[in-house]
PDB file of all heavy atoms in Angstrom:
ATOM      1  N   ARG A   1      15.584 214.523 118.159  1.00  0.00           N
ATOM      2  CA  ARG A   1      16.843 214.605 118.904  1.00  0.00           C
ATOM      3  C   ARG A   1      17.390 213.216 119.205  1.00  0.00           C
ATOM      4  O   ARG A   1      18.607 212.989 119.120  1.00  0.00           O
ATOM      5  CB  ARG A   1      16.638 215.394 120.199  1.00  0.00           C
ATOM      6  CG  ARG A   1      16.297 216.861 119.962  1.00  0.00           C
ATOM      7  CD  ARG A   1      16.077 217.601 121.262  1.00  0.00           C
ATOM      8  NE  ARG A   1      15.759 219.012 121.028  1.00  0.00           N
ATOM      9  CZ  ARG A   1      15.597 219.917 121.984  1.00  0.00           C
ATOM     10  NH1 ARG A   1      15.730 219.543 123.256  1.00  0.00           N
ATOM     11  NH2 ARG A   1      15.315 221.172 121.684  1.00  0.00           N
ATOM     12  N   GLU A   2      16.524 212.286 119.566  1.00  0.00           N
ATOM     13  CA  GLU A   2      16.974 210.920 119.841  1.00  0.00           C
ATOM     14  C   GLU A   2      17.501 210.263 118.570  1.00  0.00           C
ATOM     15  O   GLU A   2      18.496 209.529 118.610  1.00  0.00           O
ATOM     16  CB  GLU A   2      15.822 210.104 120.430  1.00  0.00           C
ATOM     17  CG  GLU A   2      15.452 210.528 121.848  1.00  0.00           C
ATOM     18  CD  GLU A   2      14.239 209.788 122.380  1.00  0.00           C
ATOM     19  OE1 GLU A   2      13.484 209.206 121.556  1.00  0.00           O
ATOM     20  OE2 GLU A   2      14.029 209.811 123.608  1.00  0.00           O
ATOM     21  N   ARG A   3      16.852 210.535 117.445  1.00  0.00           N
ATOM     22  CA  ARG A   3      17.304 209.970 116.169  1.00  0.00           C
ATOM     23  C   ARG A   3      18.674 210.512 115.792  1.00  0.00           C
ATOM     24  O   ARG A   3      19.527 209.775 115.278  1.00  0.00           O
ATOM     25  CB  ARG A   3      16.269 210.289 115.082  1.00  0.00           C
ATOM     26  CG  ARG A   3      16.508 209.528 113.792  1.00  0.00           C
ATOM     27  CD  ARG A   3      15.282 209.525 112.904  1.00  0.00           C
ATOM     28  NE  ARG A   3      14.951 210.852 112.426  1.00  0.00           N
ATOM     29  CZ  ARG A   3      13.808 211.483 112.683  1.00  0.00           C
ATOM     30  NH1 ARG A   3      12.891 210.921 113.459  1.00  0.00           N
ATOM     31  NH2 ARG A   3      13.572 212.679 112.183  1.00  0.00           N
ATOM     32  N   ARG A   4      18.903 211.784 116.066  1.00  0.00           N
ATOM     33  CA  ARG A   4      20.202 212.380 115.756  1.00  0.00           C
ATOM     34  C   ARG A   4      21.305 211.718 116.588  1.00  0.00           C
ATOM     35  O   ARG A   4      22.382 211.403 116.076  1.00  0.00           O
ATOM     36  CB  ARG A   4      20.149 213.890 116.036  1.00  0.00           C
ATOM     37  CG  ARG A   4      21.403 214.649 115.625  1.00  0.00           C
ATOM     38  CD  ARG A   4      21.177 216.140 115.793  1.00  0.00           C
ATOM     39  NE  ARG A   4      20.159 216.631 114.882  1.00  0.00           N
ATOM     40  CZ  ARG A   4      19.162 217.435 115.229  1.00  0.00           C
ATOM     41  NH1 ARG A   4      19.031 217.828 116.482  1.00  0.00           N
ATOM     42  NH2 ARG A   4      18.286 217.845 114.324  1.00  0.00           N
ATOM     43  N   ILE A   5      21.033 211.490 117.871  1.00  0.00           N
ATOM     44  CA  ILE A   5      22.017 210.833 118.729  1.00  0.00           C
ATOM     45  C   ILE A   5      22.279 209.409 118.247  1.00  0.00           C
ATOM     46  O   ILE A   5      23.429 208.964 118.190  1.00  0.00           O
ATOM     47  CB  ILE A   5      21.532 210.844 120.200  1.00  0.00           C
ATOM     48  CG1 ILE A   5      21.592 212.269 120.763  1.00  0.00           C
ATOM     49  CG2 ILE A   5      22.373 209.891 121.056  1.00  0.00           C
ATOM     50  CD1 ILE A   5      20.966 212.421 122.133  1.00  0.00           C
ATOM     51  N   ARG A   6      21.214 208.691 117.889  1.00  0.00           N
ATOM     52  CA  ARG A   6      21.386 207.317 117.399  1.00  0.00           C
ATOM     53  C   ARG A   6      22.221 207.282 116.127  1.00  0.00           C
ATOM     54  O   ARG A   6      23.023 206.361 115.915  1.00  0.00           O
ATOM     55  CB  ARG A   6      20.022 206.667 117.156  1.00  0.00           C
ATOM     56  CG  ARG A   6      19.238 206.347 118.420  1.00  0.00           C
ATOM     57  CD  ARG A   6      18.103 205.371 118.131  1.00  0.00           C
ATOM     58  NE  ARG A   6      17.121 205.904 117.194  1.00  0.00           N
ATOM     59  CZ  ARG A   6      16.034 206.599 117.541  1.00  0.00           C
ATOM     60  NH1 ARG A   6      15.795 206.845 118.819  1.00  0.00           N
ATOM     61  NH2 ARG A   6      15.184 207.024 116.619  1.00  0.00           N
ATOM     62  N   PHE A   7      22.049 208.275 115.262  1.00  0.00           N
ATOM     63  CA  PHE A   7      22.848 208.335 114.038  1.00  0.00           C
ATOM     64  C   PHE A   7      24.336 208.389 114.372  1.00  0.00           C
ATOM     65  O   PHE A   7      25.144 207.631 113.805  1.00  0.00           O
ATOM     66  CB  PHE A   7      22.463 209.562 113.207  1.00  0.00           C
ATOM     67  CG  PHE A   7      23.471 209.928 112.158  1.00  0.00           C
ATOM     68  CD1 PHE A   7      23.569 209.187 110.979  1.00  0.00           C
ATOM     69  CD2 PHE A   7      24.355 210.989 112.346  1.00  0.00           C
ATOM     70  CE1 PHE A   7      24.519 209.502 110.008  1.00  0.00           C
ATOM     71  CE2 PHE A   7      25.299 211.315 111.386  1.00  0.00           C
ATOM     72  CZ  PHE A   7      25.381 210.573 110.213  1.00  0.00           C
ATOM     73  N   TYR A   8      24.710 209.268 115.285  1.00  0.00           N
ATOM     74  CA  TYR A   8      26.132 209.383 115.624  1.00  0.00           C
ATOM     75  C   TYR A   8      26.642 208.117 116.316  1.00  0.00           C
ATOM     76  O   TYR A   8      27.766 207.668 116.060  1.00  0.00           O
ATOM     77  CB  TYR A   8      26.365 210.606 116.501  1.00  0.00           C
ATOM     78  CG  TYR A   8      26.279 211.910 115.739  1.00  0.00           C
ATOM     79  CD1 TYR A   8      25.306 212.863 116.056  1.00  0.00           C
ATOM     80  CD2 TYR A   8      27.151 212.184 114.695  1.00  0.00           C
ATOM     81  CE1 TYR A   8      25.227 214.060 115.343  1.00  0.00           C
ATOM     82  CE2 TYR A   8      27.073 213.372 113.984  1.00  0.00           C
ATOM     83  CZ  TYR A   8      26.109 214.309 114.312  1.00  0.00           C
ATOM     84  OH  TYR A   8      26.020 215.485 113.604  1.00  0.00           O
ATOM     85  N   GLU A   9      25.811 207.517 117.180  1.00  0.00           N
ATOM     86  CA  GLU A   9      26.233 206.286 117.846  1.00  0.00           C
ATOM     87  C   GLU A   9      26.433 205.158 116.839  1.00  0.00           C
ATOM     88  O   GLU A   9      27.393 204.383 116.954  1.00  0.00           O
ATOM     89  CB  GLU A   9      25.201 205.874 118.892  1.00  0.00           C
ATOM     90  CG  GLU A   9      25.200 206.744 120.131  1.00  0.00           C
ATOM     91  CD  GLU A   9      24.293 206.183 121.217  1.00  0.00           C
ATOM     92  OE1 GLU A   9      23.065 206.138 120.995  1.00  0.00           O
ATOM     93  OE2 GLU A   9      24.810 205.781 122.272  1.00  0.00           O
ATOM     94  N   ARG A  10      25.546 205.038 115.863  1.00  0.00           N
ATOM     95  CA  ARG A  10      25.691 204.002 114.841  1.00  0.00           C
ATOM     96  C   ARG A  10      26.994 204.152 114.078  1.00  0.00           C
ATOM     97  O   ARG A  10      27.553 203.184 113.572  1.00  0.00           O
ATOM     98  CB  ARG A  10      24.539 204.071 113.835  1.00  0.00           C
ATOM     99  CG  ARG A  10      23.251 203.485 114.282  1.00  0.00           C
ATOM    100  CD  ARG A  10      22.329 203.188 113.096  1.00  0.00           C
ATOM    101  NE  ARG A  10      22.178 204.307 112.187  1.00  0.00           N
ATOM    102  CZ  ARG A  10      21.273 205.276 112.310  1.00  0.00           C
ATOM    103  NH1 ARG A  10      20.430 205.256 113.336  1.00  0.00           N
ATOM    104  NH2 ARG A  10      21.187 206.251 111.425  1.00  0.00           N
ATOM    105  N   ASN A  11      27.482 205.375 114.024  1.00  0.00           N
ATOM    106  CA  ASN A  11      28.697 205.637 113.256  1.00  0.00           C
ATOM    107  C   ASN A  11      29.936 205.796 114.133  1.00  0.00           C
ATOM    108  O   ASN A  11      30.920 206.415 113.729  1.00  0.00           O
ATOM    109  CB  ASN A  11      28.476 206.872 112.380  1.00  0.00           C
ATOM    110  CG  ASN A  11      27.552 206.574 111.218  1.00  0.00           C
ATOM    111  OD1 ASN A  11      27.928 205.916 110.257  1.00  0.00           O
ATOM    112  ND2 ASN A  11      26.299 207.019 111.322  1.00  0.00           N
ATOM    113  N   GLY A  12      29.870 205.217 115.334  1.00  0.00           N
ATOM    114  CA  GLY A  12      31.063 205.092 116.157  1.00  0.00           C
ATOM    115  C   GLY A  12      31.250 206.102 117.253  1.00  0.00           C
ATOM    116  O   GLY A  12      32.219 206.022 118.009  1.00  0.00           O
ATOM    117  N   ALA A  13      30.347 207.077 117.375  1.00  0.00           N
ATOM    118  CA  ALA A  13      30.480 208.062 118.446  1.00  0.00           C
ATOM    119  C   ALA A  13      30.069 207.442 119.776  1.00  0.00           C
ATOM    120  O   ALA A  13      29.218 206.548 119.829  1.00  0.00           O
ATOM    121  CB  ALA A  13      29.634 209.296 118.154  1.00  0.00           C
ATOM    122  N   VAL A  14      30.680 207.913 120.840  1.00  0.00           N
ATOM    123  CA  VAL A  14      30.362 207.463 122.192  1.00  0.00           C
ATOM    124  C   VAL A  14      29.486 208.511 122.859  1.00  0.00           C
ATOM    125  O   VAL A  14      29.856 209.690 122.941  1.00  0.00           O
ATOM    126  CB  VAL A  14      31.643 207.254 123.022  1.00  0.00           C
ATOM    127  CG1 VAL A  14      31.304 206.895 124.467  1.00  0.00           C
ATOM    128  CG2 VAL A  14      32.516 206.172 122.399  1.00  0.00           C
ATOM    129  N   LEU A  15      28.307 208.097 123.323  1.00  0.00           N
ATOM    130  CA  LEU A  15      27.428 208.996 124.076  1.00  0.00           C
ATOM    131  C   LEU A  15      27.880 208.995 125.520  1.00  0.00           C
ATOM    132  O   LEU A  15      27.862 207.959 126.189  1.00  0.00           O
ATOM    133  CB  LEU A  15      25.978 208.528 123.973  1.00  0.00           C
ATOM    134  CG  LEU A  15      24.954 209.338 124.784  1.00  0.00           C
ATOM    135  CD1 LEU A  15      24.879 210.775 124.285  1.00  0.00           C
ATOM    136  CD2 LEU A  15      23.580 208.674 124.725  1.00  0.00           C
ATOM    137  N   THR A  16      28.308 210.139 126.011  1.00  0.00           N
ATOM    138  CA  THR A  16      28.790 210.239 127.389  1.00  0.00           C
ATOM    139  C   THR A  16      27.643 210.613 128.318  1.00  0.00           C
ATOM    140  O   THR A  16      26.539 210.928 127.886  1.00  0.00           O
ATOM    141  CB  THR A  16      29.906 211.292 127.504  1.00  0.00           C
ATOM    142  OG1 THR A  16      29.336 212.616 127.467  1.00  0.00           O
ATOM    143  CG2 THR A  16      30.928 211.144 126.373  1.00  0.00           C
ATOM    144  N   GLN A  17      27.933 210.614 129.597  1.00  0.00           N
ATOM    145  CA  GLN A  17      26.960 211.065 130.591  1.00  0.00           C
ATOM    146  C   GLN A  17      27.022 212.573 130.808  1.00  0.00           C
ATOM    147  O   GLN A  17      26.182 213.141 131.504  1.00  0.00           O
ATOM    148  CB  GLN A  17      27.198 210.340 131.917  1.00  0.00           C
ATOM    149  CG  GLN A  17      26.913 208.845 131.869  1.00  0.00           C
ATOM    150  CD  GLN A  17      25.493 208.556 131.447  1.00  0.00           C
ATOM    151  OE1 GLN A  17      24.540 209.107 131.992  1.00  0.00           O
ATOM    152  NE2 GLN A  17      25.350 207.692 130.458  1.00  0.00           N
ATOM    153  N   VAL A  18      28.010 213.210 130.220  1.00  0.00           N
ATOM    154  CA  VAL A  18      28.221 214.641 130.442  1.00  0.00           C
ATOM    155  C   VAL A  18      27.130 215.469 129.774  1.00  0.00           C
ATOM    156  O   VAL A  18      26.763 215.221 128.624  1.00  0.00           O
ATOM    157  CB  VAL A  18      29.607 215.075 129.926  1.00  0.00           C
ATOM    158  CG1 VAL A  18      29.780 216.585 130.006  1.00  0.00           C
ATOM    159  CG2 VAL A  18      30.707 214.365 130.714  1.00  0.00           C
ATOM    160  N   ARG A  19      26.604 216.421 130.517  1.00  0.00           N
ATOM    161  CA  ARG A  19      25.682 217.408 129.984  1.00  0.00           C
ATOM    162  C   ARG A  19      26.388 218.751 129.891  1.00  0.00           C
ATOM    163  O   ARG A  19      27.277 219.055 130.697  1.00  0.00           O
ATOM    164  CB  ARG A  19      24.461 217.574 130.877  1.00  0.00           C
ATOM    165  CG  ARG A  19      23.275 216.687 130.548  1.00  0.00           C
ATOM    166  CD  ARG A  19      23.549 215.247 130.744  1.00  0.00           C
ATOM    167  NE  ARG A  19      22.297 214.463 130.748  1.00  0.00           N
ATOM    168  CZ  ARG A  19      22.241 213.168 130.916  1.00  0.00           C
ATOM    169  NH1 ARG A  19      23.362 212.470 131.095  1.00  0.00           N
ATOM    170  NH2 ARG A  19      21.091 212.525 130.895  1.00  0.00           N
ATOM    171  N   ALA A  20      25.981 219.539 128.913  1.00  0.00           N
ATOM    172  CA  ALA A  20      26.528 220.885 128.758  1.00  0.00           C
ATOM    173  C   ALA A  20      25.371 221.840 128.501  1.00  0.00           C
ATOM    174  O   ALA A  20      24.563 221.614 127.595  1.00  0.00           O
ATOM    175  CB  ALA A  20      27.519 220.930 127.593  1.00  0.00           C
ATOM    176  N   GLN A  21      25.294 222.872 129.308  1.00  0.00           N
ATOM    177  CA  GLN A  21      24.319 223.925 129.067  1.00  0.00           C
ATOM    178  C   GLN A  21      25.074 225.130 128.538  1.00  0.00           C
ATOM    179  O   GLN A  21      25.921 225.711 129.223  1.00  0.00           O
ATOM    180  CB  GLN A  21      23.568 224.288 130.346  1.00  0.00           C
ATOM    181  CG  GLN A  21      22.383 225.209 130.094  1.00  0.00           C
ATOM    182  CD  GLN A  21      21.569 225.452 131.334  1.00  0.00           C
ATOM    183  OE1 GLN A  21      21.999 226.177 132.228  1.00  0.00           O
ATOM    184  NE2 GLN A  21      20.390 224.844 131.419  1.00  0.00           N
ATOM    185  N   LEU A  22      24.794 225.477 127.276  1.00  0.00           N
ATOM    186  CA  LEU A  22      25.512 226.531 126.593  1.00  0.00           C
ATOM    187  C   LEU A  22      24.528 227.608 126.160  1.00  0.00           C
ATOM    188  O   LEU A  22      23.615 227.342 125.377  1.00  0.00           O
ATOM    189  CB  LEU A  22      26.239 225.974 125.353  1.00  0.00           C
ATOM    190  CG  LEU A  22      26.975 224.638 125.515  1.00  0.00           C
ATOM    191  CD1 LEU A  22      27.537 224.180 124.192  1.00  0.00           C
ATOM    192  CD2 LEU A  22      28.063 224.761 126.565  1.00  0.00           C
ATOM    193  N   PHE A  23      24.697 228.789 126.717  1.00  0.00           N
ATOM    194  CA  PHE A  23      23.820 229.898 126.379  1.00  0.00           C
ATOM    195  C   PHE A  23      22.347 229.507 126.529  1.00  0.00           C
ATOM    196  O   PHE A  23      21.500 229.847 125.707  1.00  0.00           O
ATOM    197  CB  PHE A  23      24.113 230.405 124.961  1.00  0.00           C
ATOM    198  CG  PHE A  23      25.522 230.875 124.774  1.00  0.00           C
ATOM    199  CD1 PHE A  23      26.481 230.034 124.199  1.00  0.00           C
ATOM    200  CD2 PHE A  23      25.915 232.138 125.192  1.00  0.00           C
ATOM    201  CE1 PHE A  23      27.795 230.462 124.033  1.00  0.00           C
ATOM    202  CE2 PHE A  23      27.223 232.573 125.042  1.00  0.00           C
ATOM    203  CZ  PHE A  23      28.161 231.740 124.459  1.00  0.00           C
ATOM    204  N   GLY A  24      22.047 228.751 127.591  1.00  0.00           N
ATOM    205  CA  GLY A  24      20.677 228.401 127.914  1.00  0.00           C
ATOM    206  C   GLY A  24      20.152 227.139 127.271  1.00  0.00           C
ATOM    207  O   GLY A  24      19.026 226.713 127.552  1.00  0.00           O
ATOM    208  N   VAL A  25      20.926 226.494 126.403  1.00  0.00           N
ATOM    209  CA  VAL A  25      20.492 225.267 125.710  1.00  0.00           C
ATOM    210  C   VAL A  25      21.257 224.076 126.286  1.00  0.00           C
ATOM    211  O   VAL A  25      22.486 224.123 126.409  1.00  0.00           O
ATOM    212  CB  VAL A  25      20.721 225.360 124.193  1.00  0.00           C
ATOM    213  CG1 VAL A  25      20.279 224.072 123.512  1.00  0.00           C
ATOM    214  CG2 VAL A  25      19.989 226.563 123.613  1.00  0.00           C
ATOM    215  N   THR A  26      20.530 222.998 126.632  1.00  0.00           N
ATOM    216  CA  THR A  26      21.152 221.824 127.227  1.00  0.00           C
ATOM    217  C   THR A  26      21.459 220.779 126.163  1.00  0.00           C
ATOM    218  O   THR A  26      20.594 220.451 125.341  1.00  0.00           O
ATOM    219  CB  THR A  26      20.245 221.207 128.300  1.00  0.00           C
ATOM    220  OG1 THR A  26      19.970 222.192 129.304  1.00  0.00           O
ATOM    221  CG2 THR A  26      20.920 219.994 128.956  1.00  0.00           C
ATOM    222  N   TYR A  27      22.691 220.252 126.201  1.00  0.00           N
ATOM    223  CA  TYR A  27      23.149 219.277 125.210  1.00  0.00           C
ATOM    224  C   TYR A  27      23.591 217.985 125.886  1.00  0.00           C
ATOM    225  O   TYR A  27      24.119 217.999 127.005  1.00  0.00           O
ATOM    226  CB  TYR A  27      24.349 219.829 124.426  1.00  0.00           C
ATOM    227  CG  TYR A  27      24.030 221.033 123.574  1.00  0.00           C
ATOM    228  CD1 TYR A  27      24.184 222.323 124.078  1.00  0.00           C
ATOM    229  CD2 TYR A  27      23.580 220.895 122.264  1.00  0.00           C
ATOM    230  CE1 TYR A  27      23.897 223.436 123.300  1.00  0.00           C
ATOM    231  CE2 TYR A  27      23.288 222.001 121.485  1.00  0.00           C
ATOM    232  CZ  TYR A  27      23.453 223.271 122.010  1.00  0.00           C
ATOM    233  OH  TYR A  27      23.157 224.364 121.239  1.00  0.00           O
TER     234      TYR A  27
END
């Protein structure tokens, strides 16, 4: 999961502080 986030950050995505729990899964 950390590697997936790093991939998007390397490609210009901004990691926010916002959390979302959708149908029991936290993102």
